[in-house]
């Protein structure tokens, strides 16, 4: 398809005549993607935290979770829930280290096939280290 040029005498440059149509096409595509993202169906999920060795840690770690704090508990996909949970797990590991659990770990399990989806944080604090004077 040949490209026709119109000469602008004011600025002495060429402007393709088809560019407004291409820009409108791109804008329509962007709007379609945005509207589709907004119209995506959301799914509910449940959250549980497990720490068998030190259950008292759950009260300190629970406020760090965005997945627990969000109300209502809805998300568009299991992938997004897993990303949110991994961010929460990193915050929890940092908190464990601040409390002296230097070997602490948090496992995240997302079961996305059920409805509602299930998110489980399993906390493994390990040994608590304390600093003192000799």
Protein backbone atom coordinates (compact mmCIF):
# COMPACT_ATOMS: atom_id res chain seq x y z
CA UNK A 1 0.00 0.00 0.00
CA UNK A 2 1.64 3.25 -1.03
CA UNK A 3 2.12 5.98 1.57
CA UNK A 4 1.01 9.40 0.44
CA UNK A 5 2.72 12.45 1.81
CA UNK A 6 1.31 15.91 2.27
CA UNK A 7 3.80 18.71 2.33
CA UNK A 8 3.50 21.20 5.15
CA UNK A 9 4.68 24.54 3.96
CA UNK A 10 4.83 25.94 7.51
CA UNK A 11 7.44 23.56 8.84
CA UNK A 12 8.90 22.19 5.65
CA UNK A 13 8.43 18.53 6.57
CA UNK A 14 6.31 15.70 5.28
CA UNK A 15 3.42 14.21 7.23
CA UNK A 16 1.96 10.86 6.17
CA UNK A 17 -1.79 11.12 5.58
CA UNK A 18 -2.45 7.76 7.23
CA UNK A 19 -0.99 8.61 10.63
CA UNK A 20 -4.27 9.82 12.24
CA UNK A 21 -5.92 6.55 11.33
CA UNK A 22 -3.02 4.52 12.75
CA UNK A 23 -3.07 6.57 15.98
CA UNK A 24 -6.80 6.07 16.38
CA UNK A 25 -6.34 2.35 15.77
CA UNK A 26 -3.66 2.16 18.49
CA UNK A 27 -5.85 4.16 20.88
CA UNK A 28 -8.78 1.82 20.24
CA UNK A 29 -6.55 -1.19 20.93
CA UNK A 30 -5.33 0.30 24.21
CA UNK A 31 -8.89 1.06 25.30
CA UNK A 32 -9.96 -2.47 24.44
CA UNK A 33 -7.18 -3.96 26.56
CA UNK A 34 -7.95 -1.66 29.51
CA UNK A 35 -11.68 -2.34 29.39
CA UNK A 36 -11.08 -6.07 29.13
CA UNK A 37 -8.79 -5.97 32.18
CA UNK A 38 -11.45 -4.12 34.17
CA UNK A 39 -14.14 -6.56 33.13
CA UNK A 40 -12.18 -9.63 34.23
CA UNK A 41 -13.98 -11.86 36.60
CA UNK A 42 -12.66 -11.84 40.14
CA UNK A 43 -12.40 -14.88 42.37
CA UNK A 44 -12.50 -15.11 46.13
CA UNK A 45 -9.83 -16.70 48.29
CA UNK A 46 -9.26 -17.79 51.86
CA UNK A 47 -6.05 -17.31 53.83
CA UNK A 48 -4.62 -19.39 56.64
CA UNK A 49 -1.33 -19.24 58.53
CA UNK A 50 0.33 -22.24 60.13
CA UNK A 51 3.20 -22.22 62.63
CA UNK A 52 3.25 -25.36 64.73
CA UNK A 53 6.46 -24.71 66.65
CA UNK A 54 5.64 -21.14 67.79
CA UNK A 55 1.96 -20.26 67.31
CA UNK A 56 2.42 -16.94 69.13
CA UNK A 57 4.39 -15.63 66.13
CA UNK A 58 1.22 -15.64 64.02
CA UNK A 59 -0.13 -12.59 65.87
CA UNK A 60 3.04 -10.67 65.01
CA UNK A 61 3.20 -11.77 61.35
CA UNK A 62 -0.49 -11.53 60.42
CA UNK A 63 -0.55 -7.68 60.13
CA UNK A 64 2.26 -7.82 57.53
CA UNK A 65 0.13 -9.64 54.96
CA UNK A 66 -1.62 -7.64 52.26
CA UNK A 67 -3.47 -10.81 51.26
CA UNK A 68 -5.02 -11.00 54.73
CA UNK A 69 -5.66 -7.25 55.03
CA UNK A 70 -7.53 -6.97 51.72
CA UNK A 71 -11.27 -6.98 52.20
CA UNK A 72 -13.13 -8.38 50.36
CA UNK A 73 -10.67 -11.13 49.55
CA UNK A 74 -10.93 -11.06 45.75
CA UNK A 75 -8.33 -11.41 43.00
CA UNK A 76 -8.44 -11.87 39.22
CA UNK A 77 -6.19 -14.95 38.99
CA UNK A 78 -4.18 -17.48 40.96
CA UNK A 79 -1.02 -15.92 39.50
CA UNK A 80 -1.85 -12.51 41.02
CA UNK A 81 -2.64 -14.14 44.36
CA UNK A 82 0.68 -15.97 44.27
CA UNK A 83 2.56 -12.73 43.54
CA UNK A 84 0.82 -10.99 46.44
CA UNK A 85 1.56 -13.95 48.73
CA UNK A 86 5.25 -14.05 47.75
CA UNK A 87 5.57 -10.34 48.58
CA UNK A 88 3.93 -11.02 51.95
CA UNK A 89 6.25 -13.97 52.59
CA UNK A 90 9.31 -11.77 52.00
CA UNK A 91 8.01 -9.27 54.58
CA UNK A 92 7.40 -12.09 57.04
CA UNK A 93 10.92 -13.48 56.62
CA UNK A 94 12.34 -9.99 57.28
CA UNK A 95 10.21 -9.76 60.43
CA UNK A 96 11.40 -13.20 61.58
CA UNK A 97 15.00 -12.09 61.18
CA UNK A 98 14.29 -8.91 63.13
CA UNK A 99 12.90 -11.08 65.95
CA UNK A 100 16.08 -13.18 66.04
CA UNK A 101 14.95 -16.10 63.86
CA UNK A 102 17.84 -15.86 61.43
CA UNK A 103 17.07 -19.16 59.71
CA UNK A 104 13.34 -18.47 59.39
CA UNK A 105 11.44 -19.39 56.26
CA UNK A 106 7.90 -18.97 54.98
CA UNK A 107 6.39 -21.38 52.46
CA UNK A 108 3.49 -20.23 50.30
CA UNK A 109 0.90 -22.63 48.89
CA UNK A 110 -1.79 -21.42 46.49
CA UNK A 111 -4.51 -23.83 45.45
CA UNK A 112 -6.10 -22.10 42.47
CA UNK A 113 -8.31 -24.87 41.14
CA UNK A 114 -10.85 -24.72 43.95
CA UNK A 115 -13.45 -22.04 44.52
CA UNK A 116 -12.72 -20.15 46.70
CA UNK A 117 -8.99 -20.36 46.10
CA UNK A 118 -6.86 -21.29 49.09
CA UNK A 119 -3.71 -19.51 50.27
CA UNK A 120 -1.65 -21.05 53.07
CA UNK A 121 1.41 -19.48 54.71
CA UNK A 122 3.50 -22.10 56.52
CA UNK A 123 6.01 -20.47 58.87
CA UNK A 124 9.20 -22.26 59.87
CA UNK A 125 10.90 -19.95 62.37
CA UNK A 126 13.88 -22.14 63.28
CA UNK A 127 16.08 -21.29 66.25
CA UNK A 128 15.74 -17.90 67.91
CA UNK A 129 19.07 -16.21 68.55
CA UNK A 130 19.53 -13.58 71.21
CA UNK A 131 22.40 -11.21 71.81
CA UNK A 132 23.68 -10.66 75.29
CA UNK A 133 26.78 -9.80 77.27
CA UNK A 134 29.20 -12.36 78.60
